[in-house]
């Protein structure tokens, strides 16, 4: 091997090793994400929600965002939501985002394995009141669809634009479309803000 080849060989190996590492990281990322599942899980088998003491909805005496104070009350934004069944028992807790285009996104405080993310559509139903139709999937441990569900809500935003409350009707359907469960109750949302 001549001097030029002996100097080029370590540089070539270094570049080859670096490129191999990049390819490996990309492959691990792609194949690791392939096990992700969507849906809002199975609230009928929910375990207790994780502690959320870190979630502080108030500004602790700090000034509120000036833009928030200038706007009219609206459901649009990010909320911490608690569902309570009609018998008074806790049903579900989630983070919910209402978008101005009439779509909604929810991340339930449920294990991702069954599916904890789902979507809905909403429209104005009166002064400070909205109607939501939410749909989702529930999964078997093998990844097959076990059931579908709907959640229909009517929610009203408080005049202070910091909370909302309403009612919900949660229905579960087997793969053949037969209703197998229903839970009704109330909703209580608290706005999450920058401040």
Protein backbone atom coordinates (compact mmCIF):
# COMPACT_ATOMS: atom_id res chain seq x y z
CA UNK A 1 0.00 0.00 0.00
CA UNK A 2 1.44 3.42 -0.92
CA UNK A 3 1.33 6.52 1.31
CA UNK A 4 -1.72 8.05 -0.39
CA UNK A 5 -3.71 4.84 0.05
CA UNK A 6 -2.61 4.46 3.68
CA UNK A 7 -3.82 8.00 4.51
CA UNK A 8 -7.10 7.67 2.58
CA UNK A 9 -8.09 4.31 4.08
CA UNK A 10 -8.72 5.61 7.68
CA UNK A 11 -10.69 8.59 6.29
CA UNK A 12 -12.78 6.23 4.13
CA UNK A 13 -13.47 3.97 7.15
CA UNK A 14 -14.46 6.95 9.28
CA UNK A 15 -16.94 8.20 6.66
CA UNK A 16 -18.30 4.69 6.13
CA UNK A 17 -18.78 4.18 9.90
CA UNK A 18 -20.51 7.57 10.30
CA UNK A 19 -22.90 6.84 7.40
CA UNK A 20 -23.65 3.37 8.76
CA UNK A 21 -24.53 4.90 12.15
CA UNK A 22 -26.91 7.40 10.53
CA UNK A 23 -28.63 4.62 8.57
CA UNK A 24 -28.92 2.51 11.74
CA UNK A 25 -30.53 5.38 13.70
CA UNK A 26 -33.04 6.01 10.88
CA UNK A 27 -33.96 2.30 10.69
CA UNK A 28 -34.40 1.99 14.46
CA UNK A 29 -36.62 5.08 14.46
CA UNK A 30 -38.77 3.82 11.58
CA UNK A 31 -39.21 0.27 12.83
CA UNK A 32 -39.64 1.35 16.45
CA UNK A 33 -42.55 3.59 15.46
CA UNK A 34 -44.32 0.83 13.53
CA UNK A 35 -45.88 -0.53 16.75
CA UNK A 36 -47.77 2.71 17.48
CA UNK A 37 -51.57 2.39 17.75
CA UNK A 38 -54.30 5.00 17.53
CA UNK A 39 -57.63 5.32 19.35
CA UNK A 40 -58.84 6.55 22.71
CA UNK A 41 -58.39 3.33 24.59
CA UNK A 42 -60.96 1.62 26.72
CA UNK A 43 -62.28 3.90 29.49
CA UNK A 44 -64.32 0.97 30.81
CA UNK A 45 -61.03 -0.68 31.79
CA UNK A 46 -59.22 2.50 32.77
CA UNK A 47 -56.85 2.53 35.68
CA UNK A 48 -56.59 5.57 37.89
CA UNK A 49 -55.26 8.63 36.14
CA UNK A 50 -51.65 9.59 36.76
CA UNK A 51 -51.10 12.32 39.33
CA UNK A 52 -51.20 15.73 37.67
CA UNK A 53 -49.98 17.96 40.49
CA UNK A 54 -47.54 19.53 38.02
CA UNK A 55 -50.52 20.71 35.98
CA UNK A 56 -51.33 24.15 37.32
CA UNK A 57 -54.08 25.93 35.41
CA UNK A 58 -53.84 29.24 37.18
CA UNK A 59 -51.20 31.87 36.61
CA UNK A 60 -50.42 31.99 40.33
CA UNK A 61 -51.10 35.71 40.51
CA UNK A 62 -49.16 36.53 37.35
CA UNK A 63 -50.70 38.67 34.66
CA UNK A 64 -52.72 36.77 32.05
CA UNK A 65 -51.90 36.88 28.37
CA UNK A 66 -53.24 40.19 27.06
CA UNK A 67 -54.47 38.57 23.83
CA UNK A 68 -56.55 36.11 25.87
CA UNK A 69 -58.26 38.97 27.73
CA UNK A 70 -59.09 40.80 24.48
CA UNK A 71 -60.79 37.84 22.81
CA UNK A 72 -64.34 36.65 23.24
CA UNK A 73 -64.87 33.38 25.09
CA UNK A 74 -64.31 30.41 22.77
CA UNK A 75 -63.82 26.65 23.03
CA UNK A 76 -60.78 26.91 20.73
CA UNK A 77 -57.59 26.04 22.59
CA UNK A 78 -56.02 23.43 24.86
CA UNK A 79 -57.99 22.07 27.83
CA UNK A 80 -57.55 19.65 30.75
CA UNK A 81 -60.79 17.69 30.75
CA UNK A 82 -62.44 15.50 33.39
CA UNK A 83 -65.36 13.24 32.55
CA UNK A 84 -67.66 12.14 35.40
CA UNK A 85 -70.20 9.31 34.92
CA UNK A 86 -73.83 9.96 35.86
CA UNK A 87 -73.38 7.89 39.05
CA UNK A 88 -70.71 10.40 40.20
CA UNK A 89 -67.69 8.17 39.58
CA UNK A 90 -64.66 9.44 37.65
CA UNK A 91 -64.86 8.18 34.06
CA UNK A 92 -61.90 9.62 32.14
CA UNK A 93 -59.36 12.42 32.12
CA UNK A 94 -57.66 13.88 29.06
CA UNK A 95 -55.99 16.75 27.27
CA UNK A 96 -58.26 18.06 24.53
CA UNK A 97 -57.54 20.55 21.75
CA UNK A 98 -60.39 22.30 19.97
CA UNK A 99 -59.36 23.81 16.62
CA UNK A 100 -61.00 26.80 14.92
CA UNK A 101 -61.65 24.73 11.77
CA UNK A 102 -64.20 22.57 13.63
CA UNK A 103 -61.94 19.63 14.41
CA UNK A 104 -60.93 18.32 17.82
CA UNK A 105 -58.04 16.16 19.09
CA UNK A 106 -57.96 14.28 22.40
CA UNK A 107 -55.19 12.48 24.28
CA UNK A 108 -56.78 10.38 27.02
CA UNK A 109 -54.92 9.53 30.23
CA UNK A 110 -54.94 5.84 29.29
CA UNK A 111 -52.16 3.41 28.39
CA UNK A 112 -51.17 3.85 24.72
CA UNK A 113 -51.30 0.06 24.16
CA UNK A 114 -55.10 0.11 23.83
CA UNK A 115 -55.10 3.43 22.00
CA UNK A 116 -55.34 6.78 23.74
CA UNK A 117 -55.52 9.34 20.93
CA UNK A 118 -58.67 10.12 18.93
CA UNK A 119 -60.47 12.84 16.98
CA UNK A 120 -63.77 14.61 16.54
CA UNK A 121 -65.68 17.35 14.77
CA UNK A 122 -67.66 20.16 16.37
CA UNK A 123 -69.94 23.06 15.55
CA UNK A 124 -71.48 26.00 17.37
CA UNK A 125 -74.81 25.09 18.96
CA UNK A 126 -75.71 28.41 20.61
CA UNK A 127 -74.15 31.28 22.53
CA UNK A 128 -70.86 29.94 24.02
CA UNK A 129 -72.12 26.38 23.40
CA UNK A 130 -70.75 23.72 21.05
CA UNK A 131 -71.80 20.24 19.96
CA UNK A 132 -69.08 17.59 19.45
CA UNK A 133 -69.16 14.23 17.67
CA UNK A 134 -66.04 12.23 18.56
CA UNK A 135 -65.03 8.85 17.06
CA UNK A 136 -62.39 6.30 17.96
CA UNK A 137 -61.12 2.74 17.92
CA UNK A 138 -60.30 0.21 20.64
CA UNK A 139 -57.67 -2.47 20.03
CA UNK A 140 -57.02 -6.06 21.06
CA UNK A 141 -53.53 -6.89 22.38
CA UNK A 142 -52.64 -8.31 18.93
CA UNK A 143 -53.43 -4.96 17.28
CA UNK A 144 -56.75 -5.95 15.69
CA UNK A 145 -59.77 -3.71 16.16
CA UNK A 146 -61.90 -4.83 19.11
CA UNK A 147 -64.54 -2.11 19.00
CA UNK A 148 -65.44 1.36 17.79
CA UNK A 149 -66.93 4.13 19.88
CA UNK A 150 -68.51 7.55 19.70
CA UNK A 151 -68.66 10.36 22.22
CA UNK A 152 -71.28 13.06 21.74
CA UNK A 153 -70.93 16.17 23.87
CA UNK A 154 -72.68 19.48 24.37
CA UNK A 155 -70.34 21.91 26.14
CA UNK A 156 -70.65 25.55 27.19
CA UNK A 157 -67.69 27.87 27.77
CA UNK A 158 -67.85 30.10 30.85
CA UNK A 159 -67.92 33.86 30.32
CA UNK A 160 -64.44 34.15 31.89
CA UNK A 161 -63.07 31.90 29.06
CA UNK A 162 -61.19 29.74 31.60
CA UNK A 163 -63.53 26.75 32.04
CA UNK A 164 -66.26 24.85 30.28
CA UNK A 165 -68.82 22.26 31.33
CA UNK A 166 -71.35 20.04 29.66
CA UNK A 167 -72.65 16.55 29.10
CA UNK A 168 -71.35 13.49 27.27
CA UNK A 169 -72.79 10.25 25.88
CA UNK A 170 -70.13 7.53 25.31
CA UNK A 171 -71.22 4.50 23.22
CA UNK A 172 -69.19 1.37 22.35
CA UNK A 173 -69.96 -0.81 19.31
CA UNK A 174 -68.68 -4.30 18.50
CA UNK A 175 -67.09 -4.95 15.06
CA UNK A 176 -70.56 -5.78 13.67
CA UNK A 177 -71.92 -2.36 14.71
CA UNK A 178 -73.99 -3.57 17.68
CA UNK A 179 -73.98 -1.23 20.68
CA UNK A 180 -72.44 -3.07 23.64
CA UNK A 181 -72.00 -0.30 26.24
CA UNK A 182 -73.08 3.26 27.04
CA UNK A 183 -72.02 5.72 29.70
CA UNK A 184 -73.50 9.18 30.16
CA UNK A 185 -72.25 11.96 32.39
CA UNK A 186 -70.77 15.43 32.65
CA UNK A 187 -67.63 17.19 31.42
CA UNK A 188 -65.49 19.79 33.18
CA UNK A 189 -62.71 21.51 31.25
CA UNK A 190 -60.05 23.90 32.48
CA UNK A 191 -58.14 25.96 29.91
CA UNK A 192 -54.36 25.51 29.74
CA UNK A 193 -52.59 28.76 28.88
CA UNK A 194 -49.05 29.96 28.33
CA UNK A 195 -49.06 31.91 31.62
